[in-house]
Amino acid sequence: MDGFREDYQQQAQRLSDLRSSAEKQQQGSTRRSGNDSSVRDGERTGTASAGSSHDGEGGDPLMYPGLYSPSGFDMMDILVRVRTRPNPRYELGSIDDSVALILCDAESHDIPIVYCSEHFELLTGYNRPEILGRNCRFLQDPFQLDSLSHVLPDNSVIKHTEVKAINDKAKRELKEKIVKGEEAQVKLINFRKDGKIFFNVLTVIPILWKERGDGDEVRGKLYMVGFQADEQKAFFKLGV
């Protein structure tokens, strides 16, 4: 499992390095094109940078039309599959690319994260290379310190053993639903990278993704889409 996770993390680090390099090239090209631009019919025109994103200024220079992430997963396709799923159990409201979202490979050992949205990084404080290849349980007990107490957002205190009991109950429910291939929604007490608690309402939606297997056979591979919502009010009474 460690080698499997390291492969994902190394790939993510390479993508991060490539993105940084491309952004630097884009900035240099933008400055050069600005100096070389000319005025035609009252409008200033210039040569577009070869490394620029189709989304324009501020876009990711490694993104291509139809792809939200250079990982190869189509973010918009993920959301469409979620919106159009048959017999939805949970109402997700308005979902777009601003949600904190992960995509997990349900057919691989330990259900590793293979994609995470930018807002998931912002919510948790971890960056993509630290996330990919891991099971999302790393947010539940990253420090392995059962003797600690934690300050909640309402300034009350909770023992770490209580946190563990709440999360263990949610994990049992989540596992039962995943085994059955059903949608699930659980409440977890999670930790950001800086150690601060956040209250996570996790909604998990199974989706099938068509992929080519041996002999170019197309089959549906099972993934789990996990939507994370920081819902402090849902936990103030800790009636989870």
Protein backbone atom coordinates (compact mmCIF):
# COMPACT_ATOMS: atom_id res chain seq x y z
CA MET A 1 0.00 0.00 0.00
CA ASP A 2 2.86 2.39 0.81
CA GLY A 3 4.35 1.97 -2.67
CA PHE A 4 0.92 2.40 -4.25
CA ARG A 5 0.36 5.65 -2.34
CA GLU A 6 3.86 6.90 -3.15
CA ASP A 7 3.19 6.44 -6.88
CA TYR A 8 0.17 8.74 -6.65
CA GLN A 9 2.03 11.28 -4.54
CA GLN A 10 5.07 11.31 -6.84
CA GLN A 11 2.82 11.78 -9.86
CA ALA A 12 1.05 14.65 -8.12
CA GLN A 13 4.38 16.26 -7.20
CA ARG A 14 5.55 16.04 -10.83
CA LEU A 15 2.31 17.67 -11.96
CA SER A 16 2.77 20.40 -9.36
CA ASP A 17 6.35 21.04 -10.53
CA LEU A 18 5.25 21.10 -14.17
CA ARG A 19 2.44 23.52 -13.34
CA SER A 20 4.83 25.88 -11.53
CA SER A 21 7.26 25.77 -14.45
CA ALA A 22 4.51 26.38 -16.97
CA GLU A 23 3.16 29.31 -14.96
CA LYS A 24 6.60 30.92 -14.91
CA GLN A 25 6.90 30.45 -18.66
CA GLN A 26 3.44 31.87 -19.12
CA GLN A 27 4.29 34.96 -17.06
CA GLY A 28 7.46 35.50 -19.09
CA SER A 29 5.62 35.05 -22.36
CA THR A 30 2.91 37.45 -21.23
CA ARG A 31 5.49 40.13 -20.44
CA ARG A 32 7.23 39.61 -23.79
CA SER A 33 3.98 39.62 -25.76
CA GLY A 34 2.99 42.81 -23.97
CA ASN A 35 6.20 44.52 -25.10
CA ASP A 36 5.85 43.26 -28.69
CA SER A 37 2.17 44.05 -29.12
CA SER A 38 0.97 46.61 -31.62
CA VAL A 39 -2.03 48.90 -31.94
CA ARG A 40 -4.46 48.12 -34.74
CA ASP A 41 -7.71 49.98 -35.28
CA GLY A 42 -7.49 51.46 -31.82
CA GLU A 43 -7.10 48.03 -30.13
CA ARG A 44 -3.98 46.64 -28.55
CA THR A 45 -3.19 43.15 -29.84
CA GLY A 46 -0.41 40.68 -29.10
CA THR A 47 0.66 37.12 -29.66
CA ALA A 48 -0.90 34.69 -27.21
CA SER A 49 1.46 32.64 -25.09
CA ALA A 50 1.77 29.03 -26.19
CA GLY A 51 1.63 27.99 -22.55
CA SER A 52 -1.44 30.00 -21.62
CA SER A 53 -4.68 28.37 -20.53
CA HIS A 54 -7.76 28.45 -22.70
CA ASP A 55 -9.54 29.90 -19.70
CA GLY A 56 -7.53 33.11 -19.90
CA GLU A 57 -5.74 35.00 -17.17
CA GLY A 58 -5.45 33.14 -13.92
CA GLY A 59 -6.16 29.75 -15.53
CA ASP A 60 -4.09 26.63 -15.13
CA PRO A 61 -1.59 26.42 -18.02
CA LEU A 62 -1.69 22.62 -17.85
CA MET A 63 -5.44 22.34 -18.30
CA TYR A 64 -6.98 21.46 -21.63
CA PRO A 65 -10.52 21.88 -22.98
CA GLY A 66 -12.94 19.64 -21.08
CA LEU A 67 -10.49 18.75 -18.33
CA TYR A 68 -10.75 20.32 -14.90
CA SER A 69 -7.63 18.53 -13.69
CA PRO A 70 -4.44 17.37 -15.42
CA SER A 71 -4.93 14.06 -13.55
CA GLY A 72 -7.06 13.00 -16.53
CA PHE A 73 -10.40 12.97 -14.71
CA ASP A 74 -13.06 15.23 -16.18
CA MET A 75 -14.40 17.29 -13.27
CA MET A 76 -17.48 18.37 -15.17
CA ASP A 77 -18.23 14.77 -16.12
CA ILE A 78 -17.99 13.77 -12.45
CA LEU A 79 -20.55 16.41 -11.48
CA VAL A 80 -22.86 15.51 -14.38
CA ARG A 81 -22.79 11.85 -13.35
CA VAL A 82 -23.64 12.85 -9.78
CA ARG A 83 -26.47 15.17 -10.85
CA THR A 84 -28.02 12.63 -13.25
CA ARG A 85 -27.66 9.54 -11.07
CA PRO A 86 -30.81 7.42 -10.79
CA ASN A 87 -32.76 7.35 -7.53
CA PRO A 88 -30.66 9.84 -5.56
CA ARG A 89 -30.98 9.45 -1.81
CA TYR A 90 -29.46 12.77 -0.78
CA GLU A 91 -30.18 16.26 -2.07
CA LEU A 92 -26.86 17.96 -2.72
CA GLY A 93 -28.21 21.33 -3.76
CA SER A 94 -26.20 23.41 -6.20
CA ILE A 95 -22.86 21.73 -6.90
CA ASP A 96 -20.13 23.08 -9.15
CA ASP A 97 -16.33 23.21 -9.30
CA SER A 98 -16.25 25.27 -6.10
CA VAL A 99 -17.13 22.29 -3.89
CA ALA A 100 -14.66 20.42 -1.71
CA LEU A 101 -14.62 17.10 -3.50
CA ILE A 102 -12.55 13.93 -3.77
CA LEU A 103 -12.74 11.01 -6.18
CA CYS A 104 -11.74 7.60 -4.80
CA ASP A 105 -10.95 4.37 -6.63
CA ALA A 106 -13.40 1.92 -5.02
CA GLU A 107 -11.85 -1.09 -6.76
CA SER A 108 -8.29 -0.56 -5.49
CA HIS A 109 -6.93 -1.57 -2.11
CA ASP A 110 -7.92 0.84 0.67
CA ILE A 111 -9.98 2.99 -1.74
CA PRO A 112 -7.29 5.63 -2.44
CA ILE A 113 -8.00 9.23 -3.41
CA VAL A 114 -7.18 9.70 -7.11
CA TYR A 115 -8.45 13.26 -7.51
CA CYS A 116 -9.14 16.19 -5.20
CA SER A 117 -10.54 19.62 -5.96
CA GLU A 118 -8.75 22.83 -5.10
CA HIS A 119 -11.39 23.59 -2.48
CA PHE A 120 -10.66 20.30 -0.75
CA GLU A 121 -7.05 21.45 -0.46
CA LEU A 122 -8.21 24.79 0.95
CA LEU A 123 -10.56 23.13 3.42
CA THR A 124 -7.99 20.67 4.79
CA GLY A 125 -4.74 22.63 4.43
CA TYR A 126 -3.08 19.73 2.60
CA ASN A 127 -1.82 20.05 -0.97
CA ARG A 128 -2.45 17.57 -3.76
CA PRO A 129 0.80 15.56 -3.47
CA GLU A 130 0.03 14.99 0.23
CA ILE A 131 -3.51 13.81 -0.54
CA LEU A 132 -3.42 11.54 -3.58
CA GLY A 133 -3.00 7.84 -2.95
CA ARG A 134 -4.26 8.03 0.63
CA ASN A 135 -7.53 6.90 2.13
CA CYS A 136 -9.56 9.87 3.35
CA ARG A 137 -9.46 8.54 6.92
CA PHE A 138 -6.14 10.38 7.34
CA LEU A 139 -8.24 13.44 8.22
CA GLN A 140 -9.86 11.66 11.17
CA ASP A 141 -6.92 10.88 13.39
CA PRO A 142 -3.68 12.25 11.93
CA PHE A 143 -1.83 12.54 15.21
CA GLN A 144 -2.72 9.24 16.93
CA LEU A 145 -2.89 10.99 20.32
CA ASP A 146 -5.70 9.45 22.38
CA SER A 147 -4.91 11.44 25.53
CA LEU A 148 -5.45 14.91 24.07
CA SER A 149 -8.43 17.16 24.39
CA HIS A 150 -9.46 19.51 21.62
CA VAL A 151 -11.03 22.95 21.56
CA LEU A 152 -14.13 23.09 19.39
CA PRO A 153 -15.15 26.14 17.32
CA ASP A 154 -17.64 27.13 20.03
CA ASN A 155 -14.73 27.12 22.57
CA SER A 156 -15.97 24.01 24.35
CA VAL A 157 -13.59 21.10 24.91
CA ILE A 158 -13.86 17.51 23.75
CA LYS A 159 -11.63 14.60 24.65
CA HIS A 160 -9.81 12.83 21.87
CA THR A 161 -11.38 9.54 22.97
CA GLU A 162 -14.80 11.11 22.33
CA VAL A 163 -13.68 12.24 18.89
CA LYS A 164 -12.55 8.70 18.12
CA ALA A 165 -15.86 7.21 19.31
CA ILE A 166 -17.87 9.59 17.12
CA ASN A 167 -15.70 8.86 14.08
CA ASP A 168 -15.71 5.09 14.65
CA LYS A 169 -19.51 5.08 14.64
CA ALA A 170 -19.59 7.11 11.41
CA LYS A 171 -16.99 4.86 9.78
CA ARG A 172 -19.02 1.73 10.55
CA GLU A 173 -22.09 3.26 8.93
CA LEU A 174 -20.06 4.45 5.95
CA LYS A 175 -18.45 1.03 5.42
CA GLU A 176 -21.85 -0.70 5.46
CA LYS A 177 -23.17 1.63 2.77
CA ILE A 178 -20.06 1.37 0.58
CA VAL A 179 -20.11 -2.44 0.68
CA LYS A 180 -23.71 -2.33 -0.56
CA GLY A 181 -22.87 0.25 -3.23
CA GLU A 182 -25.27 2.73 -1.68
CA GLU A 183 -25.07 6.47 -1.12
CA ALA A 184 -24.07 7.54 2.36
CA GLN A 185 -23.97 10.66 4.49
CA VAL A 186 -22.14 10.74 7.81
CA LYS A 187 -20.85 13.33 10.27
CA LEU A 188 -17.17 13.22 11.15
CA ILE A 189 -14.85 15.27 13.30
CA ASN A 190 -11.82 15.89 11.12
CA PHE A 191 -8.51 17.67 11.52
CA ARG A 192 -6.87 20.16 9.20
CA LYS A 193 -3.16 19.97 8.56
CA ASP A 194 -2.54 22.59 11.26
CA GLY A 195 -4.33 20.38 13.82
CA LYS A 196 -7.52 22.44 14.03
CA ILE A 197 -10.84 20.63 14.11
CA PHE A 198 -13.51 21.00 11.46
CA PHE A 199 -16.91 19.33 11.40
CA ASN A 200 -17.30 17.39 8.20
CA VAL A 201 -20.63 16.31 6.76
CA LEU A 202 -19.40 13.75 4.25
CA THR A 203 -21.69 12.65 1.43
CA VAL A 204 -20.48 9.70 -0.65
CA ILE A 205 -21.95 8.96 -4.07
CA PRO A 206 -20.94 5.83 -6.05
CA ILE A 207 -20.50 6.34 -9.80
CA LEU A 208 -19.41 4.11 -12.69
CA TRP A 209 -16.68 5.30 -15.01
CA LYS A 210 -16.23 3.57 -18.35
CA GLU A 211 -12.64 2.46 -18.87
CA ARG A 212 -10.84 0.19 -21.28
CA GLY A 213 -9.56 -3.04 -19.82
CA ASP A 214 -7.65 -5.92 -21.33
CA GLY A 215 -8.24 -6.32 -25.04
CA ASP A 216 -9.74 -2.83 -25.26
CA GLU A 217 -12.88 -4.07 -23.56
CA VAL A 218 -14.93 -1.19 -22.17
CA ARG A 219 -16.25 -1.76 -18.67
CA GLY A 220 -17.68 0.32 -15.87
CA LYS A 221 -15.24 0.92 -13.01
CA LEU A 222 -16.61 1.92 -9.63
CA TYR A 223 -15.51 5.19 -8.05
CA MET A 224 -16.74 7.02 -4.98
CA VAL A 225 -17.31 10.77 -5.08
CA GLY A 226 -16.97 12.35 -1.66
CA PHE A 227 -18.42 15.80 -0.98
CA GLN A 228 -17.07 17.51 2.13
CA ALA A 229 -19.01 20.25 3.93
CA ASP A 230 -17.74 22.13 6.98
CA GLU A 231 -20.94 22.35 9.02
CA GLN A 232 -20.19 23.70 12.48
CA LYS A 233 -23.82 24.14 13.52
CA ALA A 234 -24.53 20.46 12.91
CA PHE A 235 -22.17 19.52 15.72
CA PHE A 236 -22.54 22.17 18.40
CA LYS A 237 -24.64 19.84 20.52
CA LEU A 238 -22.54 16.85 19.41
CA GLY A 239 -25.73 14.92 18.91
CA VAL A 240 -24.09 12.87 16.19
